Amino acid sequence: MFGKAVSYGLLWDFAVCEAVGESQRWILSAMQSHGQELVTMLWRILGNEQDVCDAYQDTFLQLAHYEGGRKPEHIKAYIFRVANNVAISMLRRRIAEKKRVSTAVVARKDVSSPAKELDSKCLQETLRCCIARLPEHLRNVITLRDLAGLSYAQIGRILGISAATARVYRCKAIQLLTVWMGKEEKDNEKYKYE
C-alpha cells in the first residue's frame, strides 16, 4: 500500500498542496520528511498493514490538532512519541481481546499443537505483548532502538535523556523481556501436558 503511495507521490503532492492552507503545509513537510521512518517503526511494532495505516493516520491527525494547529517545537520527537503511544494502545487492545479468547480456550483445556508453538507469528505476537507490558521509559527505548532502528544519540534527543541512559534502559528492557518470554514458554509447556 505504501509502495503505491510513493509511486503516486507527485500527483498527490500537487493535489494536497492545492487543498492545504499555507498554515498547515508544515504538516505535509513532516509527513514527507519522517513518514518512511515512521511506517518502518509501526510495521515492526504492529505487524499488519491495517494497524499501521490506522496508527499513521492517528499520528498525523494528532499532529494537525496539536494545541489548536500550532507547530510543536520538536516535530520528529513528537511524531515518534505519538506513534509509539498509538501503536502500544492498539497492542494493548489486541492483548485484551486475545486474553478474552484464550480464557475460553484454556477453560476447555484445549492443547495447542507443537506446530503452532513453533510458528514465528505466535512468537512475534508474544514478544509484542511482552514489549507492551514494559514500563514506559523502557518500552520507548526498546521501540525506538530495536523497532525504529534509531541510534542511542537520536533516542536520547527524542526522549530527553543521555545516550548512555538509553543504553542502560535498553539493557534492562532486554533482561525483562528475556525473563517474560521464558515464563511464557514455560506456561505453554505446562498447558501442553495438562
C-alpha atoms as a PDB file:
ATOM      1  CA  MET A   1       0.000   0.000   0.000  1.00  0.00           C
ATOM      2  CA  PHE A   2       2.760   2.442   0.903  1.00  0.00           C
ATOM      3  CA  GLY A   3       4.630   1.461  -2.284  1.00  0.00           C
ATOM      4  CA  LYS A   4       1.680   2.689  -4.341  1.00  0.00           C
ATOM      5  CA  ALA A   5       1.594   5.905  -2.340  1.00  0.00           C
ATOM      6  CA  VAL A   6       5.230   6.569  -3.232  1.00  0.00           C
ATOM      7  CA  SER A   7       4.648   5.926  -6.964  1.00  0.00           C
ATOM      8  CA  TYR A   8       1.771   8.409  -6.997  1.00  0.00           C
ATOM      9  CA  GLY A   9       3.756  10.897  -4.918  1.00  0.00           C
ATOM     10  CA  LEU A  10       3.949  13.694  -7.473  1.00  0.00           C
ATOM     11  CA  LEU A  11       0.239  13.630  -8.212  1.00  0.00           C
ATOM     12  CA  TRP A  12      -0.560  13.505  -4.501  1.00  0.00           C
ATOM     13  CA  ASP A  13       1.861  16.359  -3.712  1.00  0.00           C
ATOM     14  CA  PHE A  14       0.207  18.606  -6.296  1.00  0.00           C
ATOM     15  CA  ALA A  15      -3.356  17.781  -5.194  1.00  0.00           C
ATOM     16  CA  VAL A  16      -2.651  18.081  -1.479  1.00  0.00           C
ATOM     17  CA  CYS A  17      -0.615  21.286  -1.729  1.00  0.00           C
ATOM     18  CA  GLU A  18      -3.519  22.928  -3.526  1.00  0.00           C
ATOM     19  CA  ALA A  19      -6.032  21.772  -0.876  1.00  0.00           C
ATOM     20  CA  VAL A  20      -3.990  22.579   2.243  1.00  0.00           C
ATOM     21  CA  GLY A  21      -3.723  26.089   3.577  1.00  0.00           C
ATOM     22  CA  GLU A  22      -0.356  27.781   3.977  1.00  0.00           C
ATOM     23  CA  SER A  23      -0.525  27.490   7.773  1.00  0.00           C
ATOM     24  CA  GLN A  24      -0.745  23.670   7.615  1.00  0.00           C
ATOM     25  CA  ARG A  25       1.927  22.918   4.976  1.00  0.00           C
ATOM     26  CA  TRP A  26       4.470  22.169   7.689  1.00  0.00           C
ATOM     27  CA  ILE A  27       2.457  19.002   8.405  1.00  0.00           C
ATOM     28  CA  LEU A  28       2.966  17.818   4.823  1.00  0.00           C
ATOM     29  CA  SER A  29       6.650  18.568   5.148  1.00  0.00           C
ATOM     30  CA  ALA A  30       6.798  16.489   8.340  1.00  0.00           C
ATOM     31  CA  MET A  31       4.985  13.617   6.615  1.00  0.00           C
ATOM     32  CA  GLN A  32       7.444  13.684   3.733  1.00  0.00           C
ATOM     33  CA  SER A  33      10.497  14.002   5.976  1.00  0.00           C
ATOM     34  CA  HIS A  34       9.658  11.408   8.608  1.00  0.00           C
ATOM     35  CA  GLY A  35       6.887   9.299   7.091  1.00  0.00           C
ATOM     36  CA  GLN A  36       9.023   6.407   5.853  1.00  0.00           C
ATOM     37  CA  GLU A  37      10.876   6.014   9.168  1.00  0.00           C
ATOM     38  CA  LEU A  38       7.556   6.179  10.976  1.00  0.00           C
ATOM     39  CA  VAL A  39       5.995   3.499   8.768  1.00  0.00           C
ATOM     40  CA  THR A  40       9.018   1.248   9.319  1.00  0.00           C
ATOM     41  CA  MET A  41       8.723   1.606  13.088  1.00  0.00           C
ATOM     42  CA  LEU A  42       4.963   0.999  13.030  1.00  0.00           C
ATOM     43  CA  TRP A  43       5.391  -2.132  10.876  1.00  0.00           C
ATOM     44  CA  ARG A  44       7.890  -3.513  13.364  1.00  0.00           C
ATOM     45  CA  ILE A  45       5.608  -2.818  16.301  1.00  0.00           C
ATOM     46  CA  LEU A  46       2.230  -3.753  14.854  1.00  0.00           C
ATOM     47  CA  GLY A  47       2.989  -6.238  12.106  1.00  0.00           C
ATOM     48  CA  ASN A  48      -0.060  -5.715   9.896  1.00  0.00           C
ATOM     49  CA  GLU A  49      -0.941  -3.199   7.228  1.00  0.00           C
ATOM     50  CA  GLN A  50      -4.331  -2.087   8.539  1.00  0.00           C
ATOM     51  CA  ASP A  51      -2.995  -1.282  12.005  1.00  0.00           C
ATOM     52  CA  VAL A  52      -0.001   0.547  10.507  1.00  0.00           C
ATOM     53  CA  CYS A  53      -2.299   2.672   8.342  1.00  0.00           C
ATOM     54  CA  ASP A  54      -4.543   3.470  11.301  1.00  0.00           C
ATOM     55  CA  ALA A  55      -1.622   4.372  13.577  1.00  0.00           C
ATOM     56  CA  TYR A  56      -0.009   6.522  10.866  1.00  0.00           C
ATOM     57  CA  GLN A  57      -3.253   8.401  10.295  1.00  0.00           C
ATOM     58  CA  ASP A  58      -3.880   8.877  14.027  1.00  0.00           C
ATOM     59  CA  THR A  59      -0.350  10.213  14.481  1.00  0.00           C
ATOM     60  CA  PHE A  60      -0.669  12.907  11.835  1.00  0.00           C
ATOM     61  CA  LEU A  61      -4.193  13.804  12.919  1.00  0.00           C
ATOM     62  CA  GLN A  62      -2.874  14.420  16.421  1.00  0.00           C
ATOM     63  CA  LEU A  63      -0.045  16.483  14.928  1.00  0.00           C
ATOM     64  CA  ALA A  64      -2.547  18.572  12.943  1.00  0.00           C
ATOM     65  CA  HIS A  65      -4.594  19.218  16.094  1.00  0.00           C
ATOM     66  CA  TYR A  66      -1.626  19.884  18.377  1.00  0.00           C
ATOM     67  CA  GLU A  67      -2.536  22.901  20.522  1.00  0.00           C
ATOM     68  CA  GLY A  68      -5.017  24.296  18.023  1.00  0.00           C
ATOM     69  CA  GLY A  69      -2.876  23.722  14.936  1.00  0.00           C
ATOM     70  CA  ARG A  70       0.386  25.130  16.309  1.00  0.00           C
ATOM     71  CA  LYS A  71       3.666  23.571  15.232  1.00  0.00           C
ATOM     72  CA  PRO A  72       5.455  21.605  18.018  1.00  0.00           C
ATOM     73  CA  GLU A  73       8.998  22.672  18.813  1.00  0.00           C
ATOM     74  CA  HIS A  74      10.449  19.182  18.124  1.00  0.00           C
ATOM     75  CA  ILE A  75       8.266  17.695  15.379  1.00  0.00           C
ATOM     76  CA  LYS A  76      10.193  14.428  14.904  1.00  0.00           C
ATOM     77  CA  ALA A  77      10.214  13.673  18.626  1.00  0.00           C
ATOM     78  CA  TYR A  78       6.509  14.485  18.862  1.00  0.00           C
ATOM     79  CA  ILE A  79       5.613  12.299  15.865  1.00  0.00           C
ATOM     80  CA  PHE A  80       7.585   9.279  17.074  1.00  0.00           C
ATOM     81  CA  ARG A  81       6.280   9.577  20.641  1.00  0.00           C
ATOM     82  CA  VAL A  82       2.661   9.855  19.468  1.00  0.00           C
ATOM     83  CA  ALA A  83       3.070   6.967  17.001  1.00  0.00           C
ATOM     84  CA  ASN A  84       4.642   4.813  19.699  1.00  0.00           C
ATOM     85  CA  ASN A  85       1.784   5.566  22.109  1.00  0.00           C
ATOM     86  CA  VAL A  86      -0.860   4.902  19.447  1.00  0.00           C
ATOM     87  CA  ALA A  87       0.775   1.597  18.480  1.00  0.00           C
ATOM     88  CA  ILE A  88       1.111   0.466  22.107  1.00  0.00           C
ATOM     89  CA  SER A  89      -2.547   1.318  22.731  1.00  0.00           C
ATOM     90  CA  MET A  90      -3.503  -0.790  19.729  1.00  0.00           C
ATOM     91  CA  LEU A  91      -1.368  -3.670  21.045  1.00  0.00           C
ATOM     92  CA  ARG A  92      -2.983  -3.402  24.459  1.00  0.00           C
ATOM     93  CA  ARG A  93      -6.433  -3.650  22.907  1.00  0.00           C
ATOM     94  CA  ARG A  94      -5.252  -6.662  20.902  1.00  0.00           C
ATOM     95  CA  ILE A  95      -3.826  -8.260  24.080  1.00  0.00           C
ATOM     96  CA  ALA A  96      -7.091  -7.724  25.949  1.00  0.00           C
ATOM     97  CA  GLU A  97      -9.018  -9.344  23.103  1.00  0.00           C
ATOM     98  CA  LYS A  98      -6.532 -12.209  22.937  1.00  0.00           C
ATOM     99  CA  LYS A  99      -6.903 -12.793  26.695  1.00  0.00           C
ATOM    100  CA  ARG A 100     -10.679 -12.962  26.383  1.00  0.00           C
ATOM    101  CA  VAL A 101     -10.387 -15.527  23.606  1.00  0.00           C
ATOM    102  CA  SER A 102      -7.601 -17.545  25.262  1.00  0.00           C
ATOM    103  CA  THR A 103      -9.504 -17.700  28.562  1.00  0.00           C
ATOM    104  CA  ALA A 104     -12.287 -19.526  26.771  1.00  0.00           C
ATOM    105  CA  VAL A 105      -9.787 -21.888  25.135  1.00  0.00           C
ATOM    106  CA  VAL A 106      -7.953 -22.651  28.405  1.00  0.00           C
ATOM    107  CA  ALA A 107     -11.263 -23.272  30.148  1.00  0.00           C
ATOM    108  CA  ARG A 108     -11.934 -26.024  27.608  1.00  0.00           C
ATOM    109  CA  LYS A 109      -8.427 -27.412  28.301  1.00  0.00           C
ATOM    110  CA  ASP A 110      -7.535 -27.420  24.621  1.00  0.00           C
ATOM    111  CA  VAL A 111      -3.932 -28.365  23.967  1.00  0.00           C
ATOM    112  CA  SER A 112      -2.093 -26.240  21.471  1.00  0.00           C
ATOM    113  CA  SER A 113      -0.279 -28.095  18.732  1.00  0.00           C
ATOM    114  CA  PRO A 114       3.539 -28.142  18.523  1.00  0.00           C
ATOM    115  CA  ALA A 115       3.317 -26.591  15.046  1.00  0.00           C
ATOM    116  CA  LYS A 116       1.515 -23.559  16.464  1.00  0.00           C
ATOM    117  CA  GLU A 117       4.086 -23.135  19.247  1.00  0.00           C
ATOM    118  CA  LEU A 118       6.893 -23.092  16.716  1.00  0.00           C
ATOM    119  CA  ASP A 119       5.092 -20.697  14.421  1.00  0.00           C
ATOM    120  CA  SER A 120       7.062 -17.483  14.157  1.00  0.00           C
ATOM    121  CA  LYS A 121       3.869 -15.409  14.095  1.00  0.00           C
ATOM    122  CA  CYS A 122       2.966 -16.733  17.523  1.00  0.00           C
ATOM    123  CA  LEU A 123       6.424 -15.879  18.864  1.00  0.00           C
ATOM    124  CA  GLN A 124       6.245 -12.396  17.370  1.00  0.00           C
ATOM    125  CA  GLU A 125       2.863 -11.783  18.953  1.00  0.00           C
ATOM    126  CA  THR A 126       4.168 -12.982  22.322  1.00  0.00           C
ATOM    127  CA  LEU A 127       7.125 -10.620  22.028  1.00  0.00           C
ATOM    128  CA  ARG A 128       4.832  -7.718  21.109  1.00  0.00           C
ATOM    129  CA  CYS A 129       2.684  -8.462  24.145  1.00  0.00           C
ATOM    130  CA  CYS A 130       5.744  -8.515  26.392  1.00  0.00           C
ATOM    131  CA  ILE A 131       7.010  -5.222  24.932  1.00  0.00           C
ATOM    132  CA  ALA A 132       3.618  -3.636  25.628  1.00  0.00           C
ATOM    133  CA  ARG A 133       3.951  -4.693  29.312  1.00  0.00           C
ATOM    134  CA  LEU A 134       7.291  -2.883  29.775  1.00  0.00           C
ATOM    135  CA  PRO A 135       7.371   0.341  31.818  1.00  0.00           C
ATOM    136  CA  GLU A 136       7.036   3.344  29.518  1.00  0.00           C
ATOM    137  CA  HIS A 137      10.657   4.543  29.739  1.00  0.00           C
ATOM    138  CA  LEU A 138      12.000   1.073  28.851  1.00  0.00           C
ATOM    139  CA  ARG A 139       9.349   0.476  26.176  1.00  0.00           C
ATOM    140  CA  ASN A 140      10.148   3.795  24.477  1.00  0.00           C
ATOM    141  CA  VAL A 141      13.858   2.978  24.249  1.00  0.00           C
ATOM    142  CA  ILE A 142      13.353  -0.600  23.021  1.00  0.00           C
ATOM    143  CA  THR A 143      10.813   0.587  20.454  1.00  0.00           C
ATOM    144  CA  LEU A 144      12.960   3.392  19.098  1.00  0.00           C
ATOM    145  CA  ARG A 145      16.197   1.352  19.118  1.00  0.00           C
ATOM    146  CA  ASP A 146      15.128  -2.117  18.023  1.00  0.00           C
ATOM    147  CA  LEU A 147      11.980  -1.415  16.056  1.00  0.00           C
ATOM    148  CA  ALA A 148      12.650   2.018  14.561  1.00  0.00           C
ATOM    149  CA  GLY A 149      16.398   1.432  14.206  1.00  0.00           C
ATOM    150  CA  LEU A 150      17.433   4.777  15.706  1.00  0.00           C
ATOM    151  CA  SER A 151      20.844   5.352  17.292  1.00  0.00           C
ATOM    152  CA  TYR A 152      21.241   5.865  21.029  1.00  0.00           C
ATOM    153  CA  ALA A 153      22.108   9.520  20.393  1.00  0.00           C
ATOM    154  CA  GLN A 154      18.868  10.027  18.422  1.00  0.00           C
ATOM    155  CA  ILE A 155      16.874   8.241  21.116  1.00  0.00           C
ATOM    156  CA  GLY A 156      18.454  10.434  23.758  1.00  0.00           C
ATOM    157  CA  ARG A 157      17.446  13.596  21.897  1.00  0.00           C
ATOM    158  CA  ILE A 158      13.875  12.379  21.343  1.00  0.00           C
ATOM    159  CA  LEU A 159      13.325  11.237  24.936  1.00  0.00           C
ATOM    160  CA  GLY A 160      15.406  13.942  26.619  1.00  0.00           C
ATOM    161  CA  ILE A 161      17.926  11.510  28.156  1.00  0.00           C
ATOM    162  CA  SER A 162      21.602  10.797  27.534  1.00  0.00           C
ATOM    163  CA  ALA A 163      22.753   8.133  25.070  1.00  0.00           C
ATOM    164  CA  ALA A 164      24.284   6.193  27.986  1.00  0.00           C
ATOM    165  CA  THR A 165      20.961   6.205  29.843  1.00  0.00           C
ATOM    166  CA  ALA A 166      19.248   4.943  26.701  1.00  0.00           C
ATOM    167  CA  ARG A 167      21.746   2.037  26.589  1.00  0.00           C
ATOM    168  CA  VAL A 168      21.053   1.182  30.229  1.00  0.00           C
ATOM    169  CA  TYR A 169      17.285   1.299  29.688  1.00  0.00           C
ATOM    170  CA  ARG A 170      17.601  -0.986  26.650  1.00  0.00           C
ATOM    171  CA  CYS A 171      19.683  -3.454  28.666  1.00  0.00           C
ATOM    172  CA  LYS A 172      17.058  -3.512  31.439  1.00  0.00           C
ATOM    173  CA  ALA A 173      14.281  -3.943  28.867  1.00  0.00           C
ATOM    174  CA  ILE A 174      16.088  -6.884  27.233  1.00  0.00           C
ATOM    175  CA  GLN A 175      16.562  -8.527  30.637  1.00  0.00           C
ATOM    176  CA  LEU A 176      12.862  -8.182  31.467  1.00  0.00           C
ATOM    177  CA  LEU A 177      11.805  -9.452  28.036  1.00  0.00           C
ATOM    178  CA  THR A 178      14.096 -12.479  28.423  1.00  0.00           C
ATOM    179  CA  VAL A 179      12.511 -13.379  31.753  1.00  0.00           C
ATOM    180  CA  TRP A 180       8.960 -12.833  30.496  1.00  0.00           C
ATOM    181  CA  MET A 181       9.480 -14.741  27.250  1.00  0.00           C
ATOM    182  CA  GLY A 182      10.992 -17.629  29.260  1.00  0.00           C
ATOM    183  CA  LYS A 183       7.950 -17.598  31.554  1.00  0.00           C
ATOM    184  CA  GLU A 184       5.593 -17.628  28.540  1.00  0.00           C
ATOM    185  CA  GLU A 185       7.455 -20.650  27.160  1.00  0.00           C
ATOM    186  CA  LYS A 186       7.166 -22.498  30.489  1.00  0.00           C
ATOM    187  CA  ASP A 187       3.445 -21.688  30.689  1.00  0.00           C
ATOM    188  CA  ASN A 188       2.963 -23.055  27.177  1.00  0.00           C
ATOM    189  CA  GLU A 189       4.796 -26.249  28.155  1.00  0.00           C
ATOM    190  CA  LYS A 190       2.599 -26.610  31.268  1.00  0.00           C
ATOM    191  CA  TYR A 191      -0.604 -26.376  29.214  1.00  0.00           C
ATOM    192  CA  LYS A 192       0.736 -28.904  26.725  1.00  0.00           C
ATOM    193  CA  TYR A 193       0.942 -31.636  29.374  1.00  0.00           C
ATOM    194  CA  GLU A 194      -2.309 -30.954  31.230  1.00  0.00           C
END
